[in-house]
Amino acid sequence: MKRSELREKTFIILFQQEFDDAFSENIDFYLEREGLKKRYAVYARQTLLRIVENIHAIDETIRSHLVNWDFDRLSKVDLSVLRLAVYEMKYSDDVPGKVAINEAIELAKKYNDEKAGIFVNGLLDRVYKSTNGVEKNDDERR
């Protein structure tokens, strides 16, 4: 399975978090429903649980980079795309920021529309630039 396919399935599962109060307890059900097994399920589960664990900080990052838009007006699709991308940019050591942005744009366009891709691009670009465009691991090497 390609990394982009795994990311898309992870996004689909993350979207369910908006509608499931027991999301963390039901992750295995969603993983199975999406056909994720073995290392793919492990990766997706870890990503999803870390997003849930850091959701307040992730949402604050999104809020602080919104321009002329209210957080509560974000579509559930865009919010899930943004949460996954911000997680990858700020908390995942194996995803370069620009890759997270490009993949998020594609997901937003596929599951919402072209305008959503533009919106997601703009917001994530601001997040990326606010970290001075420095990848996570570069900070640790200094």
N, C-alpha and C. Protein backbone atom coordinates (compact mmCIF):
# COMPACT_ATOMS: atom_id res chain seq x y z
N MET A 1 0.85 -1.18 0.00
CA MET A 1 0.00 0.00 0.00
C MET A 1 0.90 1.24 0.00
N LYS A 2 0.58 2.17 -0.85
CA LYS A 2 1.32 3.43 -0.90
C LYS A 2 1.02 4.27 0.33
N ARG A 3 1.98 5.11 0.68
CA ARG A 3 1.81 5.98 1.86
C ARG A 3 0.59 6.90 1.69
N SER A 4 0.36 7.40 0.47
CA SER A 4 -0.79 8.28 0.25
C SER A 4 -2.11 7.54 0.45
N GLU A 5 -2.15 6.25 0.09
CA GLU A 5 -3.36 5.45 0.32
C GLU A 5 -3.60 5.24 1.82
N LEU A 6 -2.53 4.97 2.55
CA LEU A 6 -2.64 4.81 4.00
C LEU A 6 -3.08 6.12 4.65
N ARG A 7 -2.54 7.23 4.18
CA ARG A 7 -2.94 8.54 4.70
C ARG A 7 -4.42 8.79 4.44
N GLU A 8 -4.90 8.44 3.25
CA GLU A 8 -6.30 8.64 2.92
C GLU A 8 -7.21 7.79 3.82
N LYS A 9 -6.83 6.54 4.04
CA LYS A 9 -7.63 5.69 4.93
C LYS A 9 -7.60 6.23 6.36
N THR A 10 -6.47 6.74 6.78
CA THR A 10 -6.35 7.34 8.11
C THR A 10 -7.24 8.57 8.21
N PHE A 11 -7.26 9.38 7.18
CA PHE A 11 -8.15 10.55 7.13
C PHE A 11 -9.61 10.12 7.24
N ILE A 12 -10.00 9.10 6.49
CA ILE A 12 -11.38 8.62 6.51
C ILE A 12 -11.77 8.19 7.92
N ILE A 13 -10.85 7.50 8.59
CA ILE A 13 -11.13 7.08 9.97
C ILE A 13 -11.19 8.30 10.88
N LEU A 14 -10.25 9.22 10.73
CA LEU A 14 -10.23 10.42 11.58
C LEU A 14 -11.52 11.22 11.44
N PHE A 15 -12.08 11.25 10.25
CA PHE A 15 -13.34 11.96 10.02
C PHE A 15 -14.43 11.43 10.95
N GLN A 16 -14.41 10.14 11.25
CA GLN A 16 -15.41 9.52 12.13
C GLN A 16 -15.36 10.09 13.54
N GLN A 17 -14.21 10.62 13.93
CA GLN A 17 -14.03 11.16 15.28
C GLN A 17 -15.05 12.26 15.57
N GLU A 18 -15.46 12.97 14.55
CA GLU A 18 -16.43 14.05 14.71
C GLU A 18 -17.81 13.55 15.12
N PHE A 19 -18.08 12.28 14.89
CA PHE A 19 -19.42 11.73 15.10
C PHE A 19 -19.47 10.61 16.14
N ASP A 20 -18.33 10.25 16.71
CA ASP A 20 -18.25 9.10 17.60
C ASP A 20 -17.62 9.52 18.92
N ASP A 21 -18.43 9.61 19.96
CA ASP A 21 -17.93 10.02 21.28
C ASP A 21 -16.96 9.00 21.87
N ALA A 22 -17.02 7.77 21.41
CA ALA A 22 -16.12 6.73 21.90
C ALA A 22 -15.09 6.37 20.82
N PHE A 23 -14.67 7.36 20.07
CA PHE A 23 -13.78 7.14 18.93
C PHE A 23 -12.53 6.33 19.29
N SER A 24 -11.83 6.74 20.33
CA SER A 24 -10.59 6.05 20.69
C SER A 24 -10.82 4.57 20.96
N GLU A 25 -11.94 4.24 21.58
CA GLU A 25 -12.24 2.85 21.87
C GLU A 25 -12.68 2.08 20.62
N ASN A 26 -13.13 2.78 19.61
CA ASN A 26 -13.64 2.14 18.39
C ASN A 26 -12.67 2.14 17.22
N ILE A 27 -11.45 2.59 17.46
CA ILE A 27 -10.48 2.68 16.36
C ILE A 27 -10.28 1.34 15.67
N ASP A 28 -10.18 0.27 16.43
CA ASP A 28 -9.96 -1.04 15.79
C ASP A 28 -11.08 -1.41 14.83
N PHE A 29 -12.31 -1.07 15.18
CA PHE A 29 -13.44 -1.29 14.28
C PHE A 29 -13.23 -0.54 12.97
N TYR A 30 -12.84 0.72 13.06
CA TYR A 30 -12.64 1.54 11.86
C TYR A 30 -11.46 1.03 11.03
N LEU A 31 -10.40 0.60 11.70
CA LEU A 31 -9.25 0.05 10.99
C LEU A 31 -9.66 -1.17 10.19
N GLU A 32 -10.42 -2.05 10.82
CA GLU A 32 -10.89 -3.25 10.14
C GLU A 32 -11.81 -2.90 8.97
N ARG A 33 -12.71 -1.96 9.21
CA ARG A 33 -13.64 -1.56 8.15
C ARG A 33 -12.91 -1.01 6.93
N GLU A 34 -11.78 -0.33 7.15
CA GLU A 34 -11.00 0.21 6.04
C GLU A 34 -10.01 -0.80 5.47
N GLY A 35 -10.01 -2.01 6.04
CA GLY A 35 -9.15 -3.07 5.51
C GLY A 35 -7.69 -2.92 5.89
N LEU A 36 -7.40 -2.20 6.96
CA LEU A 36 -6.01 -2.01 7.37
C LEU A 36 -5.60 -3.14 8.30
N LYS A 37 -4.48 -3.76 7.97
CA LYS A 37 -3.97 -4.89 8.74
C LYS A 37 -2.48 -4.71 8.98
N LYS A 38 -2.00 -5.43 9.95
CA LYS A 38 -0.58 -5.52 10.29
C LYS A 38 0.05 -4.14 10.44
N ARG A 39 1.16 -3.92 9.75
CA ARG A 39 1.91 -2.67 9.96
C ARG A 39 1.11 -1.43 9.57
N TYR A 40 0.20 -1.58 8.61
CA TYR A 40 -0.62 -0.43 8.21
C TYR A 40 -1.59 -0.05 9.33
N ALA A 41 -2.17 -1.06 9.96
CA ALA A 41 -3.08 -0.80 11.08
C ALA A 41 -2.32 -0.20 12.25
N VAL A 42 -1.13 -0.69 12.51
CA VAL A 42 -0.31 -0.17 13.61
C VAL A 42 0.00 1.31 13.37
N TYR A 43 0.43 1.63 12.15
CA TYR A 43 0.76 3.02 11.81
C TYR A 43 -0.48 3.92 11.94
N ALA A 44 -1.58 3.49 11.37
CA ALA A 44 -2.81 4.30 11.41
C ALA A 44 -3.29 4.47 12.85
N ARG A 45 -3.29 3.39 13.63
CA ARG A 45 -3.74 3.46 15.02
C ARG A 45 -2.88 4.45 15.80
N GLN A 46 -1.57 4.35 15.65
CA GLN A 46 -0.66 5.25 16.36
C GLN A 46 -0.92 6.71 15.95
N THR A 47 -1.07 6.94 14.67
CA THR A 47 -1.34 8.30 14.18
C THR A 47 -2.65 8.82 14.76
N LEU A 48 -3.70 8.03 14.68
CA LEU A 48 -5.02 8.46 15.17
C LEU A 48 -5.00 8.74 16.67
N LEU A 49 -4.38 7.86 17.43
CA LEU A 49 -4.34 8.06 18.88
C LEU A 49 -3.51 9.28 19.25
N ARG A 50 -2.43 9.54 18.52
CA ARG A 50 -1.61 10.72 18.80
C ARG A 50 -2.34 12.00 18.39
N ILE A 51 -3.15 11.94 17.35
CA ILE A 51 -3.96 13.11 16.99
C ILE A 51 -4.95 13.39 18.10
N VAL A 52 -5.66 12.35 18.55
CA VAL A 52 -6.64 12.53 19.63
C VAL A 52 -5.94 13.07 20.88
N GLU A 53 -4.78 12.54 21.19
CA GLU A 53 -4.03 12.95 22.38
C GLU A 53 -3.61 14.43 22.29
N ASN A 54 -3.33 14.90 21.10
CA ASN A 54 -2.84 16.27 20.91
C ASN A 54 -3.87 17.19 20.24
N ILE A 55 -5.13 16.79 20.25
CA ILE A 55 -6.13 17.50 19.46
C ILE A 55 -6.29 18.97 19.86
N HIS A 56 -6.16 19.26 21.14
CA HIS A 56 -6.31 20.66 21.57
C HIS A 56 -5.19 21.53 21.02
N ALA A 57 -3.97 21.04 21.06
CA ALA A 57 -2.84 21.79 20.51
C ALA A 57 -2.94 21.89 18.99
N ILE A 58 -3.35 20.81 18.35
CA ILE A 58 -3.52 20.82 16.90
C ILE A 58 -4.59 21.82 16.50
N ASP A 59 -5.73 21.78 17.20
CA ASP A 59 -6.81 22.72 16.89
C ASP A 59 -6.38 24.17 17.16
N GLU A 60 -5.59 24.39 18.19
CA GLU A 60 -5.11 25.74 18.47
C GLU A 60 -4.18 26.22 17.36
N THR A 61 -3.37 25.34 16.82
CA THR A 61 -2.52 25.69 15.69
C THR A 61 -3.38 26.09 14.50
N ILE A 62 -4.42 25.33 14.23
CA ILE A 62 -5.34 25.65 13.13
C ILE A 62 -6.00 27.00 13.39
N ARG A 63 -6.55 27.19 14.59
CA ARG A 63 -7.22 28.45 14.95
C ARG A 63 -6.30 29.65 14.75
N SER A 64 -5.09 29.52 15.21
CA SER A 64 -4.17 30.66 15.18
C SER A 64 -3.70 31.01 13.78
N HIS A 65 -3.92 30.14 12.83
CA HIS A 65 -3.51 30.41 11.44
C HIS A 65 -4.69 30.69 10.50
N LEU A 66 -5.89 30.69 11.03
CA LEU A 66 -7.05 31.05 10.22
C LEU A 66 -7.05 32.55 9.96
N VAL A 67 -7.39 32.94 8.77
CA VAL A 67 -7.49 34.35 8.40
C VAL A 67 -8.90 34.60 7.90
N ASN A 68 -9.59 35.52 8.56
CA ASN A 68 -10.95 35.88 8.19
C ASN A 68 -11.89 34.67 8.13
N TRP A 69 -11.71 33.75 9.05
CA TRP A 69 -12.54 32.57 9.09
C TRP A 69 -12.65 32.10 10.53
N ASP A 70 -13.81 31.59 10.90
CA ASP A 70 -14.05 31.11 12.24
C ASP A 70 -13.86 29.60 12.29
N PHE A 71 -13.16 29.12 13.28
CA PHE A 71 -12.89 27.70 13.44
C PHE A 71 -14.17 26.86 13.39
N ASP A 72 -15.21 27.34 14.05
CA ASP A 72 -16.46 26.59 14.11
C ASP A 72 -17.18 26.49 12.77
N ARG A 73 -16.77 27.28 11.80
CA ARG A 73 -17.38 27.22 10.47
C ARG A 73 -16.64 26.28 9.52
N LEU A 74 -15.52 25.73 9.96
CA LEU A 74 -14.79 24.78 9.11
C LEU A 74 -15.66 23.55 8.86
N SER A 75 -15.64 23.07 7.63
CA SER A 75 -16.36 21.83 7.35
C SER A 75 -15.65 20.68 8.07
N LYS A 76 -16.39 19.64 8.38
CA LYS A 76 -15.81 18.48 9.06
C LYS A 76 -14.72 17.83 8.20
N VAL A 77 -14.91 17.85 6.89
CA VAL A 77 -13.90 17.30 5.99
C VAL A 77 -12.62 18.12 6.10
N ASP A 78 -12.74 19.44 5.94
CA ASP A 78 -11.55 20.28 6.01
C ASP A 78 -10.87 20.19 7.37
N LEU A 79 -11.65 20.14 8.44
CA LEU A 79 -11.08 20.03 9.77
C LEU A 79 -10.28 18.74 9.92
N SER A 80 -10.81 17.64 9.43
CA SER A 80 -10.10 16.36 9.52
C SER A 80 -8.83 16.38 8.68
N VAL A 81 -8.90 16.95 7.50
CA VAL A 81 -7.71 17.07 6.64
C VAL A 81 -6.65 17.92 7.34
N LEU A 82 -7.07 19.04 7.89
CA LEU A 82 -6.13 19.95 8.57
C LEU A 82 -5.52 19.29 9.81
N ARG A 83 -6.33 18.60 10.58
CA ARG A 83 -5.81 17.94 11.79
C ARG A 83 -4.74 16.92 11.42
N LEU A 84 -5.00 16.12 10.40
CA LEU A 84 -4.01 15.13 9.99
C LEU A 84 -2.73 15.80 9.50
N ALA A 85 -2.86 16.83 8.69
CA ALA A 85 -1.69 17.51 8.15
C ALA A 85 -0.89 18.23 9.24
N VAL A 86 -1.57 18.92 10.13
CA VAL A 86 -0.86 19.60 11.22
C VAL A 86 -0.17 18.58 12.10
N TYR A 87 -0.83 17.48 12.37
CA TYR A 87 -0.17 16.41 13.14
C TYR A 87 1.11 15.97 12.42
N GLU A 88 1.01 15.70 11.13
CA GLU A 88 2.19 15.23 10.38
C GLU A 88 3.29 16.28 10.39
N MET A 89 2.92 17.54 10.27
CA MET A 89 3.91 18.61 10.23
C MET A 89 4.59 18.83 11.58
N LYS A 90 3.83 18.72 12.65
CA LYS A 90 4.36 19.08 13.96
C LYS A 90 4.76 17.91 14.85
N TYR A 91 4.18 16.74 14.64
CA TYR A 91 4.39 15.63 15.57
C TYR A 91 4.98 14.37 14.94
N SER A 92 5.00 14.28 13.64
CA SER A 92 5.50 13.08 12.99
C SER A 92 6.90 13.32 12.44
N ASP A 93 7.81 12.43 12.79
CA ASP A 93 9.20 12.60 12.36
C ASP A 93 9.45 12.11 10.94
N ASP A 94 8.52 11.38 10.38
CA ASP A 94 8.80 10.76 9.09
C ASP A 94 8.04 11.38 7.91
N VAL A 95 7.42 12.54 8.12
CA VAL A 95 6.69 13.20 7.03
C VAL A 95 7.21 14.63 6.87
N PRO A 96 7.86 14.93 5.75
CA PRO A 96 8.28 16.32 5.52
C PRO A 96 7.06 17.24 5.43
N GLY A 97 7.20 18.46 5.92
CA GLY A 97 6.10 19.41 5.93
C GLY A 97 5.47 19.63 4.57
N LYS A 98 6.29 19.77 3.55
CA LYS A 98 5.75 20.03 2.20
C LYS A 98 4.96 18.83 1.68
N VAL A 99 5.35 17.63 2.05
CA VAL A 99 4.60 16.43 1.65
C VAL A 99 3.24 16.44 2.35
N ALA A 100 3.24 16.76 3.64
CA ALA A 100 1.98 16.82 4.39
C ALA A 100 1.03 17.83 3.75
N ILE A 101 1.56 18.97 3.33
CA ILE A 101 0.75 20.01 2.70
C ILE A 101 0.18 19.50 1.37
N ASN A 102 1.03 18.97 0.53
CA ASN A 102 0.57 18.50 -0.79
C ASN A 102 -0.48 17.39 -0.68
N GLU A 103 -0.27 16.46 0.23
CA GLU A 103 -1.23 15.38 0.42
C GLU A 103 -2.56 15.92 0.96
N ALA A 104 -2.49 16.88 1.87
CA ALA A 104 -3.71 17.47 2.43
C ALA A 104 -4.50 18.20 1.35
N ILE A 105 -3.82 18.89 0.47
CA ILE A 105 -4.49 19.59 -0.63
C ILE A 105 -5.26 18.59 -1.49
N GLU A 106 -4.62 17.48 -1.81
CA GLU A 106 -5.27 16.46 -2.64
C GLU A 106 -6.48 15.86 -1.95
N LEU A 107 -6.36 15.59 -0.66
CA LEU A 107 -7.51 15.05 0.08
C LEU A 107 -8.66 16.06 0.13
N ALA A 108 -8.34 17.33 0.36
CA ALA A 108 -9.38 18.36 0.42
C ALA A 108 -10.09 18.48 -0.93
N LYS A 109 -9.34 18.44 -2.00
CA LYS A 109 -9.96 18.54 -3.33
C LYS A 109 -10.81 17.31 -3.63
N LYS A 110 -10.34 16.15 -3.23
CA LYS A 110 -11.07 14.91 -3.51
C LYS A 110 -12.35 14.80 -2.69
N TYR A 111 -12.30 15.16 -1.42
CA TYR A 111 -13.44 14.96 -0.54
C TYR A 111 -14.28 16.21 -0.31
N ASN A 112 -13.81 17.35 -0.82
CA ASN A 112 -14.60 18.57 -0.74
C ASN A 112 -14.66 19.16 -2.15
N ASP A 113 -13.82 20.14 -2.44
CA ASP A 113 -13.78 20.70 -3.79
C ASP A 113 -12.49 21.48 -4.00
N GLU A 114 -12.34 22.03 -5.19
CA GLU A 114 -11.13 22.77 -5.55
C GLU A 114 -10.86 23.93 -4.61
N LYS A 115 -11.92 24.65 -4.22
CA LYS A 115 -11.75 25.78 -3.31
C LYS A 115 -11.22 25.32 -1.95
N ALA A 116 -11.65 24.15 -1.52
CA ALA A 116 -11.15 23.61 -0.25
C ALA A 116 -9.65 23.36 -0.34
N GLY A 117 -9.20 22.89 -1.48
CA GLY A 117 -7.77 22.67 -1.67
C GLY A 117 -6.98 23.96 -1.56
N ILE A 118 -7.52 25.03 -2.11
CA ILE A 118 -6.87 26.34 -2.03
C ILE A 118 -6.83 26.83 -0.58
N PHE A 119 -7.96 26.67 0.12
CA PHE A 119 -8.05 27.08 1.52
C PHE A 119 -7.04 26.31 2.38
N VAL A 120 -7.03 24.98 2.23
CA VAL A 120 -6.13 24.13 3.00
C VAL A 120 -4.67 24.49 2.69
N ASN A 121 -4.36 24.72 1.44
CA ASN A 121 -3.01 25.12 1.04
C ASN A 121 -2.58 26.39 1.76
N GLY A 122 -3.45 27.40 1.75
CA GLY A 122 -3.11 28.68 2.37
C GLY A 122 -2.87 28.54 3.86
N LEU A 123 -3.76 27.83 4.54
CA LEU A 123 -3.62 27.68 5.99
C LEU A 123 -2.36 26.88 6.33
N LEU A 124 -2.15 25.77 5.67
CA LEU A 124 -0.99 24.94 5.99
C LEU A 124 0.31 25.62 5.59
N ASP A 125 0.29 26.43 4.56
CA ASP A 125 1.48 27.19 4.20
C ASP A 125 1.84 28.16 5.32
N ARG A 126 0.84 28.79 5.92
CA ARG A 126 1.09 29.69 7.06
C ARG A 126 1.66 28.92 8.25
N VAL A 127 1.12 27.73 8.50
CA VAL A 127 1.65 26.89 9.58
C VAL A 127 3.12 26.56 9.30
N TYR A 128 3.39 26.15 8.09
CA TYR A 128 4.76 25.78 7.69
C TYR A 128 5.71 26.97 7.86
N LYS A 129 5.30 28.11 7.37
CA LYS A 129 6.16 29.30 7.46
C LYS A 129 6.33 29.79 8.89
N SER A 130 5.34 29.56 9.74
CA SER A 130 5.45 30.00 11.13
C SER A 130 6.51 29.20 11.88
N THR A 131 6.85 28.04 11.35
CA THR A 131 7.95 27.27 11.93
C THR A 131 9.24 27.57 11.17
N ASN A 132 9.23 28.69 10.43
CA ASN A 132 10.38 29.16 9.64
C ASN A 132 10.78 28.18 8.55
N GLY A 133 9.85 27.31 8.18
CA GLY A 133 10.15 26.36 7.11
C GLY A 133 11.19 25.34 7.51
N VAL A 134 11.47 25.23 8.79
CA VAL A 134 12.46 24.28 9.28
C VAL A 134 11.77 22.98 9.62
N GLU A 135 12.27 21.90 9.08
CA GLU A 135 11.70 20.60 9.38
C GLU A 135 11.93 20.25 10.84
N LYS A 136 11.08 19.41 11.41
CA LYS A 136 11.14 19.04 12.82
C LYS A 136 12.52 18.57 13.24
N ASN A 137 13.09 17.67 12.49
CA ASN A 137 14.36 17.08 12.88
C ASN A 137 15.52 18.06 12.78
N ASP A 138 15.41 19.09 11.96
CA ASP A 138 16.47 20.09 11.85
C ASP A 138 16.66 20.82 13.17
N ASP A 139 15.58 21.10 13.88
CA ASP A 139 15.68 21.78 15.16
C ASP A 139 16.45 20.94 16.16
N GLU A 140 16.23 19.64 16.14
CA GLU A 140 16.87 18.76 17.10
C GLU A 140 18.36 18.62 16.84
N ARG A 141 18.80 18.85 15.62
CA ARG A 141 20.22 18.69 15.27
C ARG A 141 21.04 19.91 15.66
N ARG A 142 20.40 21.03 15.93
CA ARG A 142 21.13 22.26 16.22
C ARG A 142 21.60 22.31 17.64
